Amino acid sequence: MSGPILVVNPNSNAAVTEGLDRALAPFRLPGVPDIHCLTLEEGPFGIESQVDSDAVVMPLVRLVGDRRDAAAIVIACYSDPGVEACRSVARCPVWGIQEAGVLTALSRGDRFGVVAIAPVSIARHRRFMRRMGVLDRLAGERALGVSVDESARGDSTFALVEEVGQALKSDGSDVIVLGCAGMVCHRAPLEAALGIPVIDPVQAAVAMAWGTVRCSFPAFGGSG
């Protein structure tokens, strides 16, 4: 299958989807897989609680089951809602951005820190990292105390993102993961400010999907 890579924003905030689309521009080159960013219109305006995360699982499963043309799918929410369920119905590989972001961080440093949007998010993230078996590499996770929508506003929130990033660096983090898809606009300026790698998990997941598709299908230059 040589269809597009689908990047699904499970919240209904189209501004977040637009930010994802801009952040993935470096992956759009001639002769490589198309990347389509979609908004899950049934989703909440921001996924900030366990209830929000659980509520999007079945809509995601329906969407993934319907998109049989996709070569790969990325669920662009940091708590990786419904990833296992989506993998069970998909005809293509499915990535969650928390898993991809953490795995990428582990390849760039010894201990990583996570910038969360809200305190209520942290327990949910830790449960996932416990299942991954990586808590011994976690230097810390700190929250901005803002909504998903607010986290995506570069001018008004970057100072707060930098403050939290500096605190995580003081905690012992030598690489930072942005713990929300809406924070993609902060990656490059935060990396410049902190002087350590900063991982945008959406870019990390798409890089994995892009490489897999590129190497798997002759139409995209792979060996078959």
N, C-alpha and C. Protein backbone atom coordinates (compact mmCIF):
# COMPACT_ATOMS: atom_id res chain seq x y z
N MET A 1 0.85 -1.20 0.00
CA MET A 1 0.00 0.00 0.00
C MET A 1 0.88 1.25 0.00
N SER A 2 0.59 2.18 -0.88
CA SER A 2 1.42 3.38 -0.99
C SER A 2 0.59 4.63 -0.84
N GLY A 3 -0.38 4.61 0.06
CA GLY A 3 -1.23 5.75 0.32
C GLY A 3 -0.55 6.76 1.24
N PRO A 4 -1.31 7.71 1.76
CA PRO A 4 -0.73 8.77 2.59
C PRO A 4 -0.46 8.32 4.01
N ILE A 5 0.38 9.10 4.69
CA ILE A 5 0.51 9.01 6.14
C ILE A 5 -0.54 9.95 6.72
N LEU A 6 -1.44 9.42 7.54
CA LEU A 6 -2.47 10.23 8.17
C LEU A 6 -2.04 10.62 9.57
N VAL A 7 -2.11 11.90 9.86
CA VAL A 7 -1.81 12.42 11.19
C VAL A 7 -3.12 12.94 11.75
N VAL A 8 -3.65 12.26 12.77
CA VAL A 8 -4.98 12.55 13.27
C VAL A 8 -4.89 13.32 14.58
N ASN A 9 -5.43 14.53 14.59
CA ASN A 9 -5.58 15.31 15.81
C ASN A 9 -6.89 14.90 16.47
N PRO A 10 -6.85 14.21 17.63
CA PRO A 10 -8.10 13.71 18.21
C PRO A 10 -8.95 14.77 18.91
N ASN A 11 -8.46 16.01 19.02
CA ASN A 11 -9.34 17.05 19.53
C ASN A 11 -9.94 17.82 18.35
N SER A 12 -10.96 18.61 18.62
CA SER A 12 -11.69 19.29 17.56
C SER A 12 -11.19 20.70 17.28
N ASN A 13 -10.04 21.05 17.84
CA ASN A 13 -9.47 22.39 17.64
C ASN A 13 -8.68 22.41 16.34
N ALA A 14 -9.26 23.01 15.31
CA ALA A 14 -8.62 23.02 13.99
C ALA A 14 -7.31 23.80 13.99
N ALA A 15 -7.16 24.76 14.92
CA ALA A 15 -5.92 25.51 14.99
C ALA A 15 -4.74 24.62 15.36
N VAL A 16 -4.99 23.61 16.20
CA VAL A 16 -3.94 22.65 16.55
C VAL A 16 -3.55 21.84 15.32
N THR A 17 -4.54 21.41 14.54
CA THR A 17 -4.26 20.66 13.32
C THR A 17 -3.44 21.49 12.34
N GLU A 18 -3.77 22.76 12.23
CA GLU A 18 -3.01 23.64 11.34
C GLU A 18 -1.56 23.76 11.80
N GLY A 19 -1.34 23.81 13.11
CA GLY A 19 0.02 23.86 13.63
C GLY A 19 0.79 22.59 13.32
N LEU A 20 0.12 21.43 13.42
CA LEU A 20 0.76 20.17 13.05
C LEU A 20 1.15 20.19 11.59
N ASP A 21 0.26 20.66 10.75
CA ASP A 21 0.51 20.69 9.31
C ASP A 21 1.74 21.52 8.99
N ARG A 22 1.88 22.68 9.65
CA ARG A 22 3.06 23.53 9.42
C ARG A 22 4.32 22.84 9.92
N ALA A 23 4.24 22.18 11.06
CA ALA A 23 5.43 21.56 11.65
C ALA A 23 5.94 20.38 10.82
N LEU A 24 5.08 19.81 10.01
CA LEU A 24 5.47 18.64 9.22
C LEU A 24 5.93 19.00 7.82
N ALA A 25 6.05 20.30 7.54
CA ALA A 25 6.50 20.74 6.22
C ALA A 25 7.85 20.14 5.79
N PRO A 26 8.83 19.95 6.71
CA PRO A 26 10.11 19.38 6.26
C PRO A 26 10.01 17.97 5.71
N PHE A 27 8.92 17.26 6.02
CA PHE A 27 8.76 15.89 5.52
C PHE A 27 8.14 15.86 4.12
N ARG A 28 7.69 17.00 3.63
CA ARG A 28 7.00 17.02 2.35
C ARG A 28 8.01 17.33 1.23
N LEU A 29 8.41 16.27 0.56
CA LEU A 29 9.40 16.34 -0.50
C LEU A 29 8.87 15.61 -1.72
N PRO A 30 9.35 15.94 -2.92
CA PRO A 30 8.88 15.23 -4.12
C PRO A 30 9.20 13.74 -4.04
N GLY A 31 8.23 12.93 -4.44
CA GLY A 31 8.46 11.51 -4.54
C GLY A 31 8.42 10.75 -3.24
N VAL A 32 7.92 11.37 -2.17
CA VAL A 32 7.84 10.68 -0.88
C VAL A 32 6.38 10.65 -0.43
N PRO A 33 6.06 9.89 0.62
CA PRO A 33 4.65 9.77 1.01
C PRO A 33 4.00 11.11 1.34
N ASP A 34 2.77 11.28 0.88
CA ASP A 34 1.98 12.45 1.28
C ASP A 34 1.65 12.35 2.76
N ILE A 35 1.53 13.50 3.41
CA ILE A 35 1.14 13.56 4.82
C ILE A 35 -0.14 14.38 4.91
N HIS A 36 -1.20 13.77 5.38
CA HIS A 36 -2.49 14.43 5.53
C HIS A 36 -2.81 14.59 7.01
N CYS A 37 -3.04 15.83 7.44
CA CYS A 37 -3.40 16.10 8.84
C CYS A 37 -4.92 16.25 8.93
N LEU A 38 -5.53 15.51 9.83
CA LEU A 38 -6.98 15.48 9.98
C LEU A 38 -7.38 15.89 11.39
N THR A 39 -8.56 16.50 11.51
CA THR A 39 -9.14 16.84 12.81
C THR A 39 -10.29 15.88 13.11
N LEU A 40 -10.29 15.29 14.29
CA LEU A 40 -11.39 14.43 14.72
C LEU A 40 -12.50 15.34 15.25
N GLU A 41 -13.48 15.60 14.43
CA GLU A 41 -14.50 16.59 14.78
C GLU A 41 -15.35 16.16 15.96
N GLU A 42 -15.44 14.84 16.23
CA GLU A 42 -16.22 14.37 17.38
C GLU A 42 -15.48 14.58 18.70
N GLY A 43 -14.20 14.91 18.64
CA GLY A 43 -13.40 15.02 19.86
C GLY A 43 -13.68 16.29 20.65
N PRO A 44 -13.25 16.34 21.91
CA PRO A 44 -13.36 17.56 22.71
C PRO A 44 -12.43 18.64 22.16
N PHE A 45 -12.65 19.88 22.58
CA PHE A 45 -11.82 20.98 22.07
C PHE A 45 -10.36 20.81 22.48
N GLY A 46 -10.13 20.18 23.61
CA GLY A 46 -8.78 19.84 24.06
C GLY A 46 -8.84 18.57 24.89
N ILE A 47 -7.87 17.69 24.73
CA ILE A 47 -7.82 16.46 25.53
C ILE A 47 -6.94 16.73 26.74
N GLU A 48 -7.59 16.93 27.89
CA GLU A 48 -6.87 17.37 29.08
C GLU A 48 -7.08 16.46 30.29
N SER A 49 -8.05 15.55 30.22
CA SER A 49 -8.34 14.66 31.34
C SER A 49 -8.42 13.23 30.84
N GLN A 50 -8.49 12.29 31.80
CA GLN A 50 -8.65 10.89 31.42
C GLN A 50 -9.98 10.67 30.69
N VAL A 51 -11.02 11.38 31.13
CA VAL A 51 -12.32 11.26 30.47
C VAL A 51 -12.22 11.73 29.02
N ASP A 52 -11.56 12.86 28.79
CA ASP A 52 -11.37 13.35 27.42
C ASP A 52 -10.64 12.31 26.58
N SER A 53 -9.58 11.73 27.16
CA SER A 53 -8.78 10.76 26.44
C SER A 53 -9.59 9.51 26.09
N ASP A 54 -10.36 9.02 27.05
CA ASP A 54 -11.16 7.83 26.82
C ASP A 54 -12.28 8.08 25.80
N ALA A 55 -12.80 9.31 25.79
CA ALA A 55 -13.95 9.61 24.94
C ALA A 55 -13.64 9.54 23.44
N VAL A 56 -12.37 9.67 23.08
CA VAL A 56 -12.04 9.69 21.64
C VAL A 56 -11.65 8.32 21.11
N VAL A 57 -11.61 7.30 21.95
CA VAL A 57 -11.11 6.00 21.50
C VAL A 57 -11.97 5.43 20.38
N MET A 58 -13.27 5.32 20.59
CA MET A 58 -14.11 4.71 19.57
C MET A 58 -14.22 5.57 18.30
N PRO A 59 -14.33 6.89 18.38
CA PRO A 59 -14.27 7.67 17.14
C PRO A 59 -12.97 7.46 16.37
N LEU A 60 -11.85 7.33 17.09
CA LEU A 60 -10.59 7.05 16.41
C LEU A 60 -10.60 5.68 15.76
N VAL A 61 -11.13 4.70 16.46
CA VAL A 61 -11.21 3.35 15.89
C VAL A 61 -12.04 3.35 14.61
N ARG A 62 -13.16 4.07 14.62
CA ARG A 62 -13.99 4.14 13.41
C ARG A 62 -13.25 4.81 12.27
N LEU A 63 -12.56 5.92 12.57
CA LEU A 63 -11.82 6.62 11.53
C LEU A 63 -10.72 5.74 10.94
N VAL A 64 -9.95 5.10 11.82
CA VAL A 64 -8.85 4.24 11.36
C VAL A 64 -9.39 3.07 10.54
N GLY A 65 -10.50 2.49 10.99
CA GLY A 65 -11.07 1.38 10.26
C GLY A 65 -11.56 1.76 8.88
N ASP A 66 -12.02 3.02 8.74
CA ASP A 66 -12.53 3.49 7.45
C ASP A 66 -11.41 3.87 6.48
N ARG A 67 -10.24 4.25 7.01
CA ARG A 67 -9.17 4.75 6.13
C ARG A 67 -8.24 3.60 5.73
N ARG A 68 -8.78 2.74 4.90
CA ARG A 68 -8.02 1.57 4.46
C ARG A 68 -7.00 1.93 3.38
N ASP A 69 -7.00 3.18 2.95
CA ASP A 69 -6.03 3.63 1.95
C ASP A 69 -4.72 4.08 2.59
N ALA A 70 -4.69 4.27 3.90
CA ALA A 70 -3.51 4.86 4.55
C ALA A 70 -2.33 3.90 4.56
N ALA A 71 -1.14 4.45 4.36
CA ALA A 71 0.09 3.65 4.48
C ALA A 71 0.58 3.62 5.92
N ALA A 72 0.22 4.62 6.72
CA ALA A 72 0.59 4.70 8.13
C ALA A 72 -0.32 5.73 8.79
N ILE A 73 -0.51 5.59 10.10
CA ILE A 73 -1.37 6.50 10.85
C ILE A 73 -0.65 6.92 12.13
N VAL A 74 -0.72 8.21 12.43
CA VAL A 74 -0.17 8.77 13.66
C VAL A 74 -1.31 9.38 14.46
N ILE A 75 -1.47 8.95 15.71
CA ILE A 75 -2.46 9.54 16.62
C ILE A 75 -1.77 10.68 17.36
N ALA A 76 -2.13 11.90 17.03
CA ALA A 76 -1.40 13.07 17.51
C ALA A 76 -1.99 13.64 18.79
N CYS A 77 -1.98 12.82 19.84
CA CYS A 77 -2.32 13.26 21.18
C CYS A 77 -1.34 12.61 22.13
N TYR A 78 -0.77 13.36 23.06
CA TYR A 78 0.36 12.85 23.83
C TYR A 78 0.00 11.71 24.77
N SER A 79 -1.26 11.54 25.13
CA SER A 79 -1.61 10.41 25.99
C SER A 79 -1.86 9.13 25.19
N ASP A 80 -1.65 9.19 23.88
CA ASP A 80 -1.80 8.02 22.99
C ASP A 80 -3.15 7.32 23.16
N PRO A 81 -4.26 8.08 23.11
CA PRO A 81 -5.57 7.44 23.30
C PRO A 81 -5.89 6.46 22.18
N GLY A 82 -6.34 5.28 22.56
CA GLY A 82 -6.83 4.33 21.58
C GLY A 82 -5.80 3.72 20.65
N VAL A 83 -4.52 3.86 20.94
CA VAL A 83 -3.51 3.36 20.01
C VAL A 83 -3.62 1.85 19.84
N GLU A 84 -3.74 1.13 20.96
CA GLU A 84 -3.84 -0.32 20.85
C GLU A 84 -5.10 -0.74 20.11
N ALA A 85 -6.23 -0.08 20.40
CA ALA A 85 -7.48 -0.41 19.72
C ALA A 85 -7.38 -0.10 18.22
N CYS A 86 -6.76 1.02 17.89
CA CYS A 86 -6.60 1.38 16.48
C CYS A 86 -5.69 0.38 15.76
N ARG A 87 -4.64 -0.06 16.43
CA ARG A 87 -3.76 -1.06 15.82
C ARG A 87 -4.50 -2.36 15.54
N SER A 88 -5.51 -2.66 16.36
CA SER A 88 -6.23 -3.92 16.19
C SER A 88 -7.13 -3.92 14.96
N VAL A 89 -7.48 -2.74 14.44
CA VAL A 89 -8.37 -2.68 13.27
C VAL A 89 -7.68 -2.13 12.03
N ALA A 90 -6.49 -1.56 12.19
CA ALA A 90 -5.83 -0.91 11.05
C ALA A 90 -5.19 -1.93 10.12
N ARG A 91 -5.10 -1.57 8.86
CA ARG A 91 -4.39 -2.39 7.88
C ARG A 91 -2.96 -1.87 7.67
N CYS A 92 -2.55 -0.89 8.47
CA CYS A 92 -1.23 -0.28 8.34
C CYS A 92 -0.68 -0.04 9.73
N PRO A 93 0.61 0.29 9.85
CA PRO A 93 1.17 0.60 11.18
C PRO A 93 0.54 1.85 11.78
N VAL A 94 0.40 1.86 13.10
CA VAL A 94 -0.16 3.00 13.83
C VAL A 94 0.83 3.42 14.91
N TRP A 95 1.14 4.70 14.96
CA TRP A 95 2.04 5.24 15.97
C TRP A 95 1.29 6.17 16.92
N GLY A 96 1.66 6.16 18.19
CA GLY A 96 1.21 7.15 19.15
C GLY A 96 2.36 8.10 19.45
N ILE A 97 2.06 9.37 19.63
CA ILE A 97 3.16 10.33 19.75
C ILE A 97 3.87 10.29 21.10
N GLN A 98 3.18 9.88 22.18
CA GLN A 98 3.91 9.78 23.44
C GLN A 98 4.97 8.69 23.36
N GLU A 99 4.59 7.53 22.89
CA GLU A 99 5.54 6.44 22.77
C GLU A 99 6.70 6.83 21.86
N ALA A 100 6.38 7.43 20.70
CA ALA A 100 7.43 7.81 19.75
C ALA A 100 8.32 8.90 20.32
N GLY A 101 7.72 9.88 21.00
CA GLY A 101 8.51 10.97 21.57
C GLY A 101 9.46 10.50 22.65
N VAL A 102 8.97 9.62 23.54
CA VAL A 102 9.83 9.10 24.61
C VAL A 102 10.94 8.23 24.04
N LEU A 103 10.63 7.36 23.08
CA LEU A 103 11.67 6.52 22.48
C LEU A 103 12.73 7.36 21.79
N THR A 104 12.31 8.43 21.13
CA THR A 104 13.28 9.32 20.49
C THR A 104 14.14 10.02 21.53
N ALA A 105 13.53 10.45 22.63
CA ALA A 105 14.29 11.10 23.70
C ALA A 105 15.34 10.16 24.27
N LEU A 106 14.99 8.89 24.44
CA LEU A 106 15.93 7.93 24.99
C LEU A 106 17.12 7.71 24.08
N SER A 107 16.95 8.00 22.80
CA SER A 107 18.06 7.86 21.86
C SER A 107 18.92 9.11 21.79
N ARG A 108 18.51 10.19 22.48
CA ARG A 108 19.24 11.46 22.42
C ARG A 108 19.88 11.84 23.74
N GLY A 109 19.54 11.17 24.82
CA GLY A 109 20.10 11.53 26.12
C GLY A 109 19.86 10.43 27.14
N ASP A 110 20.43 10.63 28.33
CA ASP A 110 20.32 9.62 29.38
C ASP A 110 19.02 9.75 30.16
N ARG A 111 18.65 11.00 30.51
CA ARG A 111 17.44 11.22 31.29
C ARG A 111 16.62 12.31 30.62
N PHE A 112 15.33 12.11 30.54
CA PHE A 112 14.47 13.06 29.83
C PHE A 112 13.46 13.68 30.78
N GLY A 113 13.00 14.86 30.40
CA GLY A 113 11.93 15.54 31.12
C GLY A 113 10.78 15.81 30.17
N VAL A 114 9.59 15.98 30.74
CA VAL A 114 8.38 16.19 29.94
C VAL A 114 7.71 17.48 30.37
N VAL A 115 7.36 18.30 29.38
CA VAL A 115 6.57 19.50 29.63
C VAL A 115 5.10 19.14 29.41
N ALA A 116 4.31 19.08 30.47
CA ALA A 116 2.88 18.78 30.37
C ALA A 116 2.09 20.08 30.30
N ILE A 117 0.85 19.99 29.81
CA ILE A 117 0.04 21.20 29.77
C ILE A 117 -0.60 21.50 31.13
N ALA A 118 -1.03 20.45 31.85
CA ALA A 118 -1.75 20.66 33.11
C ALA A 118 -1.36 19.58 34.11
N PRO A 119 -1.45 19.87 35.41
CA PRO A 119 -1.11 18.86 36.42
C PRO A 119 -1.91 17.57 36.28
N VAL A 120 -3.18 17.67 35.85
CA VAL A 120 -4.01 16.48 35.73
C VAL A 120 -3.50 15.53 34.66
N SER A 121 -2.69 16.03 33.73
CA SER A 121 -2.16 15.19 32.66
C SER A 121 -1.04 14.27 33.14
N ILE A 122 -0.35 14.66 34.20
CA ILE A 122 0.89 13.98 34.56
C ILE A 122 0.65 12.53 34.97
N ALA A 123 -0.37 12.27 35.77
CA ALA A 123 -0.63 10.89 36.20
C ALA A 123 -0.92 9.99 35.01
N ARG A 124 -1.68 10.52 34.04
CA ARG A 124 -1.99 9.74 32.85
C ARG A 124 -0.72 9.42 32.05
N HIS A 125 0.15 10.39 31.92
CA HIS A 125 1.40 10.17 31.20
C HIS A 125 2.28 9.16 31.92
N ARG A 126 2.34 9.26 33.25
CA ARG A 126 3.19 8.34 34.02
C ARG A 126 2.70 6.90 33.91
N ARG A 127 1.39 6.71 33.88
CA ARG A 127 0.87 5.35 33.72
C ARG A 127 1.35 4.74 32.41
N PHE A 128 1.33 5.54 31.36
CA PHE A 128 1.79 5.04 30.06
C PHE A 128 3.28 4.74 30.10
N MET A 129 4.06 5.64 30.71
CA MET A 129 5.50 5.41 30.79
C MET A 129 5.84 4.22 31.67
N ARG A 130 5.01 3.96 32.68
CA ARG A 130 5.22 2.77 33.51
C ARG A 130 5.05 1.52 32.66
N ARG A 131 4.04 1.51 31.80
CA ARG A 131 3.84 0.36 30.91
C ARG A 131 5.01 0.22 29.93
N MET A 132 5.59 1.35 29.54
CA MET A 132 6.76 1.30 28.65
C MET A 132 8.02 0.84 29.38
N GLY A 133 8.03 0.93 30.72
CA GLY A 133 9.20 0.53 31.49
C GLY A 133 10.32 1.55 31.47
N VAL A 134 9.99 2.85 31.39
CA VAL A 134 11.03 3.87 31.22
C VAL A 134 11.08 4.87 32.38
N LEU A 135 10.35 4.63 33.46
CA LEU A 135 10.31 5.62 34.53
C LEU A 135 11.66 5.85 35.18
N ASP A 136 12.57 4.87 35.11
CA ASP A 136 13.88 5.08 35.69
C ASP A 136 14.73 6.05 34.88
N ARG A 137 14.29 6.36 33.67
CA ARG A 137 15.01 7.35 32.83
C ARG A 137 14.34 8.72 32.86
N LEU A 138 13.22 8.84 33.57
CA LEU A 138 12.48 10.10 33.64
C LEU A 138 13.06 10.98 34.74
N ALA A 139 13.59 12.13 34.36
CA ALA A 139 14.11 13.07 35.35
C ALA A 139 12.98 13.84 36.02
N GLY A 140 11.89 14.05 35.31
CA GLY A 140 10.76 14.77 35.88
C GLY A 140 9.76 15.18 34.82
N GLU A 141 8.55 15.50 35.28
CA GLU A 141 7.52 16.06 34.41
C GLU A 141 6.89 17.23 35.15
N ARG A 142 6.81 18.36 34.49
CA ARG A 142 6.24 19.56 35.09
C ARG A 142 5.18 20.13 34.17
N ALA A 143 4.17 20.76 34.78
CA ALA A 143 3.03 21.26 34.01
C ALA A 143 3.09 22.77 33.83
N LEU A 144 2.58 23.21 32.68
CA LEU A 144 2.46 24.65 32.41
C LEU A 144 1.27 25.26 33.13
N GLY A 145 0.22 24.47 33.35
CA GLY A 145 -0.99 25.00 33.95
C GLY A 145 -1.85 25.77 32.98
N VAL A 146 -1.88 25.31 31.72
CA VAL A 146 -2.67 25.98 30.69
C VAL A 146 -3.51 24.94 29.96
N SER A 147 -4.40 25.41 29.08
CA SER A 147 -5.20 24.51 28.26
C SER A 147 -4.43 24.12 27.00
N VAL A 148 -4.95 23.13 26.28
CA VAL A 148 -4.34 22.74 25.00
C VAL A 148 -4.31 23.94 24.06
N ASP A 149 -5.41 24.67 23.99
CA ASP A 149 -5.49 25.81 23.09
C ASP A 149 -4.45 26.87 23.46
N GLU A 150 -4.32 27.15 24.75
CA GLU A 150 -3.35 28.15 25.19
C GLU A 150 -1.92 27.70 24.91
N SER A 151 -1.66 26.40 25.03
CA SER A 151 -0.29 25.90 24.83
C SER A 151 0.19 26.10 23.40
N ALA A 152 -0.75 26.21 22.46
CA ALA A 152 -0.39 26.34 21.04
C ALA A 152 -0.11 27.78 20.64
N ARG A 153 -0.28 28.72 21.54
CA ARG A 153 -0.10 30.14 21.20
C ARG A 153 1.34 30.53 21.54
N GLY A 154 2.17 30.61 20.48
CA GLY A 154 3.60 30.81 20.68
C GLY A 154 3.96 32.07 21.44
N ASP A 155 3.39 33.21 21.04
CA ASP A 155 3.79 34.48 21.63
C ASP A 155 3.41 34.58 23.10
N SER A 156 2.24 34.04 23.45
CA SER A 156 1.74 34.27 24.80
C SER A 156 2.18 33.21 25.81
N THR A 157 2.69 32.08 25.35
CA THR A 157 3.03 31.02 26.29
C THR A 157 4.49 30.60 26.28
N PHE A 158 5.29 31.10 25.35
CA PHE A 158 6.65 30.60 25.28
C PHE A 158 7.44 30.88 26.55
N ALA A 159 7.24 32.04 27.17
CA ALA A 159 7.99 32.36 28.39
C ALA A 159 7.71 31.30 29.47
N LEU A 160 6.47 30.85 29.57
CA LEU A 160 6.12 29.82 30.54
C LEU A 160 6.74 28.47 30.17
N VAL A 161 6.72 28.15 28.87
CA VAL A 161 7.34 26.91 28.40
C VAL A 161 8.83 26.92 28.72
N GLU A 162 9.48 28.06 28.49
CA GLU A 162 10.91 28.15 28.78
C GLU A 162 11.18 28.01 30.28
N GLU A 163 10.34 28.62 31.10
CA GLU A 163 10.52 28.51 32.56
C GLU A 163 10.43 27.06 33.01
N VAL A 164 9.44 26.33 32.51
CA VAL A 164 9.28 24.92 32.87
C VAL A 164 10.43 24.10 32.32
N GLY A 165 10.86 24.41 31.09
CA GLY A 165 11.99 23.70 30.50
C GLY A 165 13.27 23.88 31.30
N GLN A 166 13.51 25.10 31.78
CA GLN A 166 14.70 25.35 32.60
C GLN A 166 14.62 24.56 33.91
N ALA A 167 13.42 24.47 34.49
CA ALA A 167 13.25 23.71 35.73
C ALA A 167 13.52 22.22 35.49
N LEU A 168 13.06 21.71 34.36
CA LEU A 168 13.32 20.30 34.04
C LEU A 168 14.80 20.05 33.80
N LYS A 169 15.46 21.03 33.20
CA LYS A 169 16.92 20.90 33.01
C LYS A 169 17.61 20.86 34.36
N SER A 170 17.14 21.67 35.31
CA SER A 170 17.70 21.64 36.66
C SER A 170 17.40 20.32 37.38
N ASP A 171 16.31 19.68 37.01
CA ASP A 171 15.96 18.37 37.58
C ASP A 171 16.90 17.26 37.09
N GLY A 172 17.70 17.55 36.07
CA GLY A 172 18.60 16.55 35.54
C GLY A 172 18.28 16.07 34.14
N SER A 173 17.32 16.72 33.49
CA SER A 173 16.97 16.32 32.12
C SER A 173 18.05 16.79 31.15
N ASP A 174 18.52 15.87 30.29
CA ASP A 174 19.41 16.30 29.22
C ASP A 174 18.73 16.24 27.86
N VAL A 175 17.44 15.95 27.87
CA VAL A 175 16.59 16.07 26.68
C VAL A 175 15.18 16.30 27.17
N ILE A 176 14.42 17.11 26.43
CA ILE A 176 13.06 17.49 26.82
C ILE A 176 12.08 16.99 25.77
N VAL A 177 10.94 16.46 26.24
CA VAL A 177 9.85 16.07 25.35
C VAL A 177 8.67 17.02 25.59
N LEU A 178 8.12 17.55 24.53
CA LEU A 178 6.93 18.40 24.64
C LEU A 178 5.71 17.50 24.78
N GLY A 179 5.00 17.61 25.90
CA GLY A 179 3.95 16.67 26.23
C GLY A 179 2.57 17.04 25.74
N CYS A 180 2.50 17.66 24.57
CA CYS A 180 1.21 17.97 23.95
C CYS A 180 1.46 18.31 22.50
N ALA A 181 0.60 17.80 21.61
CA ALA A 181 0.77 18.09 20.18
C ALA A 181 0.65 19.57 19.88
N GLY A 182 -0.08 20.30 20.71
CA GLY A 182 -0.26 21.73 20.47
C GLY A 182 0.99 22.55 20.69
N MET A 183 2.02 21.99 21.34
CA MET A 183 3.23 22.76 21.64
C MET A 183 4.28 22.72 20.54
N VAL A 184 3.93 22.20 19.38
CA VAL A 184 4.93 22.00 18.33
C VAL A 184 5.65 23.28 17.96
N CYS A 185 4.99 24.43 18.04
CA CYS A 185 5.62 25.69 17.64
C CYS A 185 6.75 26.09 18.58
N HIS A 186 6.81 25.47 19.76
CA HIS A 186 7.82 25.85 20.76
C HIS A 186 9.12 25.05 20.64
N ARG A 187 9.16 24.01 19.83
CA ARG A 187 10.31 23.11 19.84
C ARG A 187 11.61 23.82 19.53
N ALA A 188 11.69 24.46 18.38
CA ALA A 188 12.96 25.07 17.97
C ALA A 188 13.40 26.20 18.91
N PRO A 189 12.52 27.16 19.28
CA PRO A 189 12.98 28.20 20.19
C PRO A 189 13.35 27.67 21.58
N LEU A 190 12.66 26.63 22.06
CA LEU A 190 13.01 26.08 23.38
C LEU A 190 14.35 25.38 23.32
N GLU A 191 14.62 24.65 22.25
CA GLU A 191 15.93 24.00 22.11
C GLU A 191 17.05 25.02 22.09
N ALA A 192 16.81 26.14 21.39
CA ALA A 192 17.82 27.20 21.35
C ALA A 192 18.03 27.83 22.73
N ALA A 193 16.95 28.01 23.47
CA ALA A 193 17.05 28.64 24.79
C ALA A 193 17.71 27.73 25.82
N LEU A 194 17.44 26.42 25.76
CA LEU A 194 17.95 25.50 26.77
C LEU A 194 19.32 24.93 26.43
N GLY A 195 19.64 24.85 25.16
CA GLY A 195 20.92 24.27 24.76
C GLY A 195 20.97 22.76 24.87
N ILE A 196 19.81 22.11 24.92
CA ILE A 196 19.73 20.64 24.94
C ILE A 196 18.66 20.22 23.93
N PRO A 197 18.64 18.96 23.50
CA PRO A 197 17.64 18.54 22.52
C PRO A 197 16.21 18.67 23.07
N VAL A 198 15.32 19.14 22.22
CA VAL A 198 13.89 19.20 22.54
C VAL A 198 13.16 18.41 21.47
N ILE A 199 12.36 17.44 21.90
CA ILE A 199 11.68 16.53 20.99
C ILE A 199 10.22 16.93 20.85
N ASP A 200 9.80 17.22 19.62
CA ASP A 200 8.37 17.32 19.36
C ASP A 200 7.87 15.93 19.03
N PRO A 201 6.93 15.38 19.80
CA PRO A 201 6.56 13.98 19.60
C PRO A 201 5.82 13.72 18.30
N VAL A 202 5.15 14.74 17.75
CA VAL A 202 4.49 14.54 16.46
C VAL A 202 5.53 14.35 15.37
N GLN A 203 6.53 15.21 15.35
CA GLN A 203 7.60 15.05 14.37
C GLN A 203 8.31 13.72 14.56
N ALA A 204 8.50 13.30 15.83
CA ALA A 204 9.17 12.03 16.10
C ALA A 204 8.37 10.86 15.55
N ALA A 205 7.05 10.87 15.76
CA ALA A 205 6.20 9.78 15.26
C ALA A 205 6.14 9.77 13.75
N VAL A 206 6.03 10.94 13.15
CA VAL A 206 5.97 11.01 11.69
C VAL A 206 7.30 10.57 11.08
N ALA A 207 8.41 10.91 11.73
CA ALA A 207 9.71 10.45 11.24
C ALA A 207 9.77 8.92 11.21
N MET A 208 9.23 8.27 12.26
CA MET A 208 9.20 6.80 12.28
C MET A 208 8.29 6.26 11.18
N ALA A 209 7.10 6.87 11.04
CA ALA A 209 6.17 6.42 10.00
C ALA A 209 6.74 6.66 8.61
N TRP A 210 7.32 7.83 8.41
CA TRP A 210 7.91 8.21 7.12
C TRP A 210 9.00 7.22 6.73
N GLY A 211 9.88 6.90 7.66
CA GLY A 211 10.96 5.96 7.37
C GLY A 211 10.44 4.57 7.04
N THR A 212 9.43 4.13 7.79
CA THR A 212 8.86 2.81 7.55
C THR A 212 8.22 2.73 6.17
N VAL A 213 7.41 3.74 5.83
CA VAL A 213 6.74 3.74 4.53
C VAL A 213 7.76 3.88 3.40
N ARG A 214 8.71 4.75 3.60
CA ARG A 214 9.73 5.00 2.57
C ARG A 214 10.50 3.72 2.24
N CYS A 215 10.80 2.93 3.26
CA CYS A 215 11.59 1.72 3.05
C CYS A 215 10.76 0.50 2.64
N SER A 216 9.45 0.60 2.80
CA SER A 216 8.61 -0.57 2.59
C SER A 216 8.03 -0.68 1.19
N PHE A 217 7.88 0.46 0.51
CA PHE A 217 7.16 0.44 -0.76
C PHE A 217 8.05 0.95 -1.89
N PRO A 218 8.22 0.16 -2.97
CA PRO A 218 9.06 0.58 -4.08
C PRO A 218 8.65 1.91 -4.69
N ALA A 219 7.35 2.24 -4.65
CA ALA A 219 6.90 3.50 -5.22
C ALA A 219 7.51 4.69 -4.53
N PHE A 220 7.94 4.52 -3.27
CA PHE A 220 8.55 5.59 -2.52
C PHE A 220 10.07 5.42 -2.41
N GLY A 221 10.63 4.64 -3.26
CA GLY A 221 12.08 4.52 -3.28
C GLY A 221 12.64 3.42 -2.44
N GLY A 222 11.76 2.56 -1.85
CA GLY A 222 12.24 1.46 -1.03
C GLY A 222 12.66 0.28 -1.89
N SER A 223 13.19 -0.74 -1.23
CA SER A 223 13.70 -1.90 -1.95
C SER A 223 12.65 -2.98 -2.12
N GLY A 224 11.44 -2.76 -1.55
CA GLY A 224 10.35 -3.72 -1.72
C GLY A 224 10.42 -4.84 -0.72
